[in-house]
Amino acid sequence: DAACTLGYDFSICKEGGCQYGLMNDFQVMSLVSASSPLISAGIFSATLSSALASLVSAPKVFQALCKDKIYPGLGVFAKGYGKNNEPLRGYVLTFCIGLAFILIAELNVIAPIISNFFLASYALINFSVFHASLANSPGWRPSFKYYNMWVSLAGAILCCVVMFVINWWAALVTLLIVLALYIYVSYKKPDVNWGSSTQALIYNQALTHCLNLTAVEEHVK
């Protein structure tokens, strides 16, 4: 067959002890590439850039969340330092969380959890875009030429599906955490004025119904 022609011996796989493929060898890309050092360098570069981006962006987003006083006990991380209002406390917290995951030293244990939280955030972003389009919010005007709201909805659904494909229990934990945070915000109703797409949808429906009433003729009821 093709494997024998190319000089590979996969006979061990027939005996149930296969050592090849992504499920058994995480360096499979280095095995099939023309230059394995180049693959390793790319992995290190991508990992370093992603880590630095998360280390810089996550504390700033967390600082903005703390300033809104949505969740109790987080006000200490709202304070900024310097002329750029840098969230130094958020940097320290992010570093400690990252260090804790590194000390676990089991990438296969950490990866499903991190992947599920990233996919959950992507799903929420896609659904938010879809809902903003559905509500016909005047503040939502996407400039991308080929934008389609149904593609955003499909992206949100696919993210949720992939979460369960990767690891079902990690997906359940992630969804429970997201749901708990949403229920808390809905129950507490923090004093913030974001102008959500839900409000835009309510306004649009109320306006539509009012316009429809103008076409209703007077009657005894």
Protein backbone atom coordinates (compact mmCIF):
# COMPACT_ATOMS: atom_id res chain seq x y z
CA ASP A 1 0.00 0.00 0.00
CA ALA A 2 0.96 3.70 0.09
CA ALA A 3 2.59 3.38 3.53
CA CYS A 4 4.93 0.63 2.35
CA THR A 5 5.75 2.57 -0.81
CA LEU A 6 6.83 5.58 1.25
CA GLY A 7 8.86 3.45 3.63
CA TYR A 8 6.56 3.56 6.69
CA ASP A 9 5.71 0.48 8.72
CA PHE A 10 2.28 0.61 10.37
CA SER A 11 1.99 -3.12 11.03
CA ILE A 12 2.14 -2.49 14.78
CA CYS A 13 -1.18 -0.63 14.52
CA LYS A 14 -2.93 -3.86 13.51
CA GLU A 15 -1.90 -5.38 16.85
CA GLY A 16 -3.56 -2.61 18.87
CA GLY A 17 -0.40 -0.76 19.90
CA CYS A 18 -0.37 2.06 17.36
CA GLN A 19 2.05 4.88 18.17
CA TYR A 20 1.11 7.12 15.26
CA GLY A 21 -1.51 9.77 14.65
CA LEU A 22 -2.49 12.85 16.64
CA MET A 23 -4.20 10.75 19.32
CA ASN A 24 -0.95 8.97 20.16
CA ASP A 25 1.78 11.36 19.06
CA PHE A 26 1.45 15.10 19.70
CA GLN A 27 4.51 15.73 17.51
CA VAL A 28 2.84 14.32 14.41
CA MET A 29 3.20 17.65 12.57
CA SER A 30 6.95 17.53 13.11
CA LEU A 31 6.97 13.96 11.82
CA VAL A 32 5.28 14.78 8.51
CA SER A 33 6.79 18.24 7.95
CA ALA A 34 9.87 19.02 5.90
CA SER A 35 11.53 20.76 8.86
CA SER A 36 10.58 19.73 12.40
CA PRO A 37 12.61 22.55 14.08
CA LEU A 38 10.53 25.05 12.12
CA ILE A 39 7.33 23.49 13.49
CA SER A 40 8.68 23.68 17.05
CA ALA A 41 9.69 27.32 16.55
CA GLY A 42 6.20 28.12 15.25
CA ILE A 43 4.58 26.45 18.25
CA PHE A 44 6.74 28.41 20.69
CA SER A 45 6.09 31.69 18.83
CA ALA A 46 2.32 31.17 18.71
CA THR A 47 2.22 30.17 22.38
CA LEU A 48 4.30 33.17 23.47
CA SER A 49 2.24 35.67 21.45
CA SER A 50 -1.05 34.24 22.75
CA ALA A 51 0.23 34.27 26.33
CA LEU A 52 1.39 37.89 26.09
CA ALA A 53 -1.89 38.96 24.46
CA SER A 54 -3.92 37.31 27.22
CA LEU A 55 -1.65 38.69 29.93
CA VAL A 56 -2.15 42.25 28.64
CA SER A 57 -5.79 42.24 27.47
CA ALA A 58 -7.47 40.11 30.15
CA PRO A 59 -6.55 42.40 33.11
CA LYS A 60 -7.86 45.46 31.25
CA VAL A 61 -11.19 43.78 30.52
CA PHE A 62 -11.34 42.57 34.12
CA GLN A 63 -10.58 46.10 35.35
CA ALA A 64 -13.49 47.51 33.31
CA LEU A 65 -15.75 44.80 34.75
CA CYS A 66 -14.68 45.71 38.28
CA LYS A 67 -15.30 49.42 37.67
CA ASP A 68 -18.92 48.67 36.79
CA LYS A 69 -19.31 47.01 40.22
CA ILE A 70 -21.33 44.17 38.73
CA TYR A 71 -19.99 41.49 41.06
CA PRO A 72 -19.22 42.09 44.76
CA GLY A 73 -15.71 41.92 46.18
CA LEU A 74 -13.92 42.82 42.95
CA GLY A 75 -13.60 46.57 43.47
CA VAL A 76 -10.00 46.19 44.61
CA PHE A 77 -8.99 45.31 41.04
CA ALA A 78 -10.62 48.43 39.56
CA LYS A 79 -7.77 50.70 40.62
CA GLY A 80 -5.34 51.73 37.89
CA TYR A 81 -1.80 53.07 38.07
CA GLY A 82 0.12 55.58 35.98
CA LYS A 83 -1.05 57.91 33.23
CA ASN A 84 -2.42 54.96 31.24
CA ASN A 85 -4.42 53.63 34.21
CA GLU A 86 -2.65 50.27 34.05
CA PRO A 87 -4.35 47.46 36.04
CA LEU A 88 -1.27 46.30 37.94
CA ARG A 89 -3.34 44.31 40.41
CA GLY A 90 -5.03 42.56 37.51
CA TYR A 91 -1.63 41.74 36.03
CA VAL A 92 -0.58 40.12 39.30
CA LEU A 93 -3.83 38.14 39.51
CA THR A 94 -3.47 36.94 35.91
CA PHE A 95 0.13 35.94 36.53
CA CYS A 96 -0.83 33.94 39.62
CA ILE A 97 -3.64 32.13 37.79
CA GLY A 98 -1.33 31.33 34.87
CA LEU A 99 1.38 30.12 37.24
CA ALA A 100 -1.09 27.87 39.05
CA PHE A 101 -2.06 26.18 35.78
CA ILE A 102 1.58 25.81 34.78
CA LEU A 103 2.40 24.12 38.09
CA ILE A 104 -0.25 21.48 37.37
CA ALA A 105 2.14 20.34 34.62
CA GLU A 106 -0.57 18.34 32.84
CA LEU A 107 -1.47 19.98 29.54
CA ASN A 108 -4.09 17.35 28.72
CA VAL A 109 -5.94 18.23 31.94
CA ILE A 110 -5.74 22.00 31.44
CA ALA A 111 -6.42 22.18 27.69
CA PRO A 112 -10.11 21.06 27.74
CA ILE A 113 -10.97 23.59 30.46
CA ILE A 114 -9.21 26.52 28.78
CA SER A 115 -10.53 25.55 25.34
CA ASN A 116 -14.10 25.38 26.63
CA PHE A 117 -13.92 28.84 28.21
CA PHE A 118 -12.51 30.31 25.00
CA LEU A 119 -15.21 28.59 22.94
CA ALA A 120 -17.86 29.86 25.36
CA SER A 121 -16.64 33.43 24.88
CA TYR A 122 -16.65 32.99 21.08
CA ALA A 123 -20.18 31.55 21.25
CA LEU A 124 -21.40 34.52 23.31
CA ILE A 125 -19.80 37.00 20.91
CA ASN A 126 -21.39 35.31 17.90
CA PHE A 127 -24.79 35.16 19.59
CA SER A 128 -24.52 38.81 20.66
CA VAL A 129 -23.84 39.80 17.06
CA PHE A 130 -26.81 37.72 15.88
CA HIS A 131 -29.13 39.18 18.52
CA ALA A 132 -28.05 42.74 17.76
CA SER A 133 -28.91 42.15 14.09
CA LEU A 134 -32.21 40.49 15.01
CA ALA A 135 -33.15 43.48 17.18
CA ASN A 136 -32.33 45.96 14.39
CA SER A 137 -30.39 48.04 16.87
CA PRO A 138 -29.56 51.46 15.36
CA GLY A 139 -26.16 51.36 17.02
CA TRP A 140 -25.24 48.09 15.31
CA ARG A 141 -24.02 48.75 11.77
CA PRO A 142 -21.55 46.04 10.66
CA SER A 143 -19.29 47.25 7.86
CA PHE A 144 -18.13 43.82 6.68
CA LYS A 145 -19.40 43.34 3.14
CA TYR A 146 -20.25 39.66 3.46
CA TYR A 147 -21.70 39.78 6.98
CA ASN A 148 -24.72 37.58 7.61
CA MET A 149 -26.53 37.25 10.92
CA TRP A 150 -27.29 33.57 10.33
CA VAL A 151 -23.60 32.80 9.96
CA SER A 152 -23.11 34.32 13.41
CA LEU A 153 -25.86 32.11 14.83
CA ALA A 154 -24.32 29.06 13.16
CA GLY A 155 -20.95 30.00 14.65
CA ALA A 156 -22.46 30.21 18.14
CA ILE A 157 -24.12 26.80 17.77
CA LEU A 158 -20.95 25.20 16.40
CA CYS A 159 -18.91 26.58 19.31
CA CYS A 160 -21.32 24.97 21.77
CA VAL A 161 -21.21 21.68 19.87
CA VAL A 162 -17.41 21.64 19.79
CA MET A 163 -17.34 22.32 23.54
CA PHE A 164 -19.14 19.04 24.19
CA VAL A 165 -17.09 17.20 21.56
CA ILE A 166 -13.85 18.22 23.29
CA ASN A 167 -14.95 17.36 26.82
CA TRP A 168 -18.56 17.06 27.94
CA TRP A 169 -17.97 17.56 31.67
CA ALA A 170 -15.78 20.63 31.10
CA ALA A 171 -18.49 22.00 28.79
CA LEU A 172 -21.14 21.48 31.48
CA VAL A 173 -18.99 23.22 34.11
CA THR A 174 -18.35 26.13 31.75
CA LEU A 175 -22.03 26.53 30.87
CA LEU A 176 -23.06 26.36 34.54
CA ILE A 177 -20.56 29.10 35.44
CA VAL A 178 -21.71 31.33 32.57
CA LEU A 179 -25.36 30.71 33.45
CA ALA A 180 -24.74 31.48 37.13
CA LEU A 181 -23.04 34.78 36.27
CA TYR A 182 -25.89 35.73 33.94
CA ILE A 183 -28.58 34.87 36.50
CA TYR A 184 -26.76 36.91 39.15
CA VAL A 185 -26.58 39.98 36.90
CA SER A 186 -30.23 39.58 35.87
CA TYR A 187 -31.29 39.29 39.52
CA LYS A 188 -29.18 42.15 40.90
CA LYS A 189 -29.84 44.54 37.99
CA PRO A 190 -26.70 46.68 38.43
CA ASP A 191 -27.01 50.43 37.93
CA VAL A 192 -25.33 50.58 34.52
CA ASN A 193 -26.60 51.86 31.19
CA TRP A 194 -25.10 49.69 28.47
CA GLY A 195 -27.91 49.93 25.96
CA SER A 196 -28.25 46.18 25.42
CA SER A 197 -29.60 44.48 22.31
CA THR A 198 -32.48 43.17 24.45
CA GLN A 199 -33.62 46.74 25.08
CA ALA A 200 -33.30 47.47 21.36
CA LEU A 201 -35.47 44.44 20.56
CA ILE A 202 -38.15 45.53 23.06
CA TYR A 203 -38.14 49.06 21.62
CA ASN A 204 -38.37 47.75 18.06
CA GLN A 205 -41.26 45.43 18.92
CA ALA A 206 -43.13 48.20 20.78
CA LEU A 207 -42.68 50.58 17.85
CA THR A 208 -43.84 47.93 15.37
CA HIS A 209 -46.97 47.17 17.40
CA CYS A 210 -47.78 50.87 17.76
CA LEU A 211 -47.51 51.34 14.00
CA ASN A 212 -49.72 48.30 13.45
CA LEU A 213 -52.38 49.84 15.70
CA THR A 214 -52.72 52.80 13.34
CA ALA A 215 -54.13 50.46 10.71
CA VAL A 216 -56.79 49.04 13.07
CA GLU A 217 -60.24 50.53 12.51
CA GLU A 218 -62.38 51.57 15.46
CA HIS A 219 -64.87 49.00 16.67
CA VAL A 220 -67.11 48.37 19.67
CA LYS A 221 -64.44 46.44 21.56
